[in-house]
Amino acid sequence: MFDKNFFNRELRCSNCNKLFQAGDKVFVSLVLPSKSMMPVGVLDKVLSKHSEKVFCTICNKKG
């Protein structure tokens, strides 16, 4: 889902490994944390810590 380089993370589809670009639709499987543990921050870092899967439009339609 993410590249290993901490400072240059690229958001990719969990299924097909497509690199997401600005304007792409992203479908995320995320367990909503408790109110006190609500994630705050830059979206790619929040997704890397809290999401289970991230899908592109095509892979989301398949599943």
C-alpha atoms as a PDB file:
ATOM      1  CA  MET A   1       0.000   0.000   0.000  1.00  0.00           C
ATOM      2  CA  PHE A   2       2.828   2.416   0.797  1.00  0.00           C
ATOM      3  CA  ASP A   3       6.465   2.603  -0.215  1.00  0.00           C
ATOM      4  CA  LYS A   4       8.973   1.879   2.536  1.00  0.00           C
ATOM      5  CA  ASN A   5      10.593   5.325   2.340  1.00  0.00           C
ATOM      6  CA  PHE A   6       9.026   7.310   5.195  1.00  0.00           C
ATOM      7  CA  PHE A   7       9.358  10.742   3.604  1.00  0.00           C
ATOM      8  CA  ASN A   8       8.267   9.771   0.080  1.00  0.00           C
ATOM      9  CA  ARG A   9       5.184   7.691   0.747  1.00  0.00           C
ATOM     10  CA  GLU A  10       3.056   7.006  -2.277  1.00  0.00           C
ATOM     11  CA  LEU A  11      -0.517   5.891  -1.847  1.00  0.00           C
ATOM     12  CA  ARG A  12      -1.157   2.727  -3.878  1.00  0.00           C
ATOM     13  CA  CYS A  13      -4.059   0.336  -4.349  1.00  0.00           C
ATOM     14  CA  SER A  14      -3.827  -2.671  -2.023  1.00  0.00           C
ATOM     15  CA  ASN A  15      -4.986  -4.993  -4.798  1.00  0.00           C
ATOM     16  CA  CYS A  16      -3.396  -3.883  -8.092  1.00  0.00           C
ATOM     17  CA  ASN A  17      -0.660  -1.587  -6.723  1.00  0.00           C
ATOM     18  CA  LYS A  18      -1.840   1.355  -8.864  1.00  0.00           C
ATOM     19  CA  LEU A  19      -0.244   4.639  -7.824  1.00  0.00           C
ATOM     20  CA  PHE A  20      -2.922   7.166  -6.880  1.00  0.00           C
ATOM     21  CA  GLN A  21      -2.744  10.652  -8.348  1.00  0.00           C
ATOM     22  CA  ALA A  22      -4.470  13.874  -7.317  1.00  0.00           C
ATOM     23  CA  GLY A  23      -8.154  13.669  -8.215  1.00  0.00           C
ATOM     24  CA  ASP A  24      -8.399   9.852  -8.101  1.00  0.00           C
ATOM     25  CA  LYS A  25     -11.193   8.284  -6.073  1.00  0.00           C
ATOM     26  CA  VAL A  26      -9.889   6.222  -3.171  1.00  0.00           C
ATOM     27  CA  PHE A  27     -11.891   3.590  -1.286  1.00  0.00           C
ATOM     28  CA  VAL A  28     -10.622   2.837   2.202  1.00  0.00           C
ATOM     29  CA  SER A  29     -11.427   0.065   4.651  1.00  0.00           C
ATOM     30  CA  LEU A  30     -10.983   1.652   8.057  1.00  0.00           C
ATOM     31  CA  VAL A  31     -12.061   0.692  11.556  1.00  0.00           C
ATOM     32  CA  LEU A  32     -13.321   3.845  13.205  1.00  0.00           C
ATOM     33  CA  PRO A  33     -11.274   4.459  16.347  1.00  0.00           C
ATOM     34  CA  SER A  34     -12.647   5.711  19.632  1.00  0.00           C
ATOM     35  CA  LYS A  35     -13.193   9.413  20.130  1.00  0.00           C
ATOM     36  CA  SER A  36      -9.989   9.784  22.134  1.00  0.00           C
ATOM     37  CA  MET A  37      -7.923   7.948  19.497  1.00  0.00           C
ATOM     38  CA  MET A  38      -9.336   9.752  16.428  1.00  0.00           C
ATOM     39  CA  PRO A  39      -6.581  10.105  13.793  1.00  0.00           C
ATOM     40  CA  VAL A  40      -5.495  13.611  12.879  1.00  0.00           C
ATOM     41  CA  GLY A  41      -2.856  14.583  10.364  1.00  0.00           C
ATOM     42  CA  VAL A  42      -1.766  14.272   6.775  1.00  0.00           C
ATOM     43  CA  LEU A  43      -4.061  11.836   4.959  1.00  0.00           C
ATOM     44  CA  ASP A  44      -1.398   9.433   3.638  1.00  0.00           C
ATOM     45  CA  LYS A  45       0.148   9.039   7.091  1.00  0.00           C
ATOM     46  CA  VAL A  46      -3.253   8.568   8.747  1.00  0.00           C
ATOM     47  CA  LEU A  47      -4.199   5.931   6.169  1.00  0.00           C
ATOM     48  CA  SER A  48      -0.901   4.090   6.587  1.00  0.00           C
ATOM     49  CA  LYS A  49      -1.430   3.821  10.340  1.00  0.00           C
ATOM     50  CA  HIS A  50      -5.166   3.115  10.537  1.00  0.00           C
ATOM     51  CA  SER A  51      -6.514   1.668   7.281  1.00  0.00           C
ATOM     52  CA  GLU A  52      -6.837  -2.016   6.543  1.00  0.00           C
ATOM     53  CA  LYS A  53      -7.050  -1.693   2.739  1.00  0.00           C
ATOM     54  CA  VAL A  54      -7.026   1.084   0.126  1.00  0.00           C
ATOM     55  CA  PHE A  55      -8.596   0.399  -3.280  1.00  0.00           C
ATOM     56  CA  CYS A  56      -8.833   2.145  -6.643  1.00  0.00           C
ATOM     57  CA  THR A  57     -12.201   2.476  -8.405  1.00  0.00           C
ATOM     58  CA  ILE A  58     -11.670  -0.602 -10.601  1.00  0.00           C
ATOM     59  CA  CYS A  59     -10.618  -2.910  -7.755  1.00  0.00           C
ATOM     60  CA  ASN A  60     -13.422  -1.631  -5.547  1.00  0.00           C
ATOM     61  CA  LYS A  61     -15.977  -2.576  -8.240  1.00  0.00           C
ATOM     62  CA  LYS A  62     -14.459  -6.074  -8.556  1.00  0.00           C
ATOM     63  CA  GLY A  63     -14.661  -6.793  -4.834  1.00  0.00           C
END
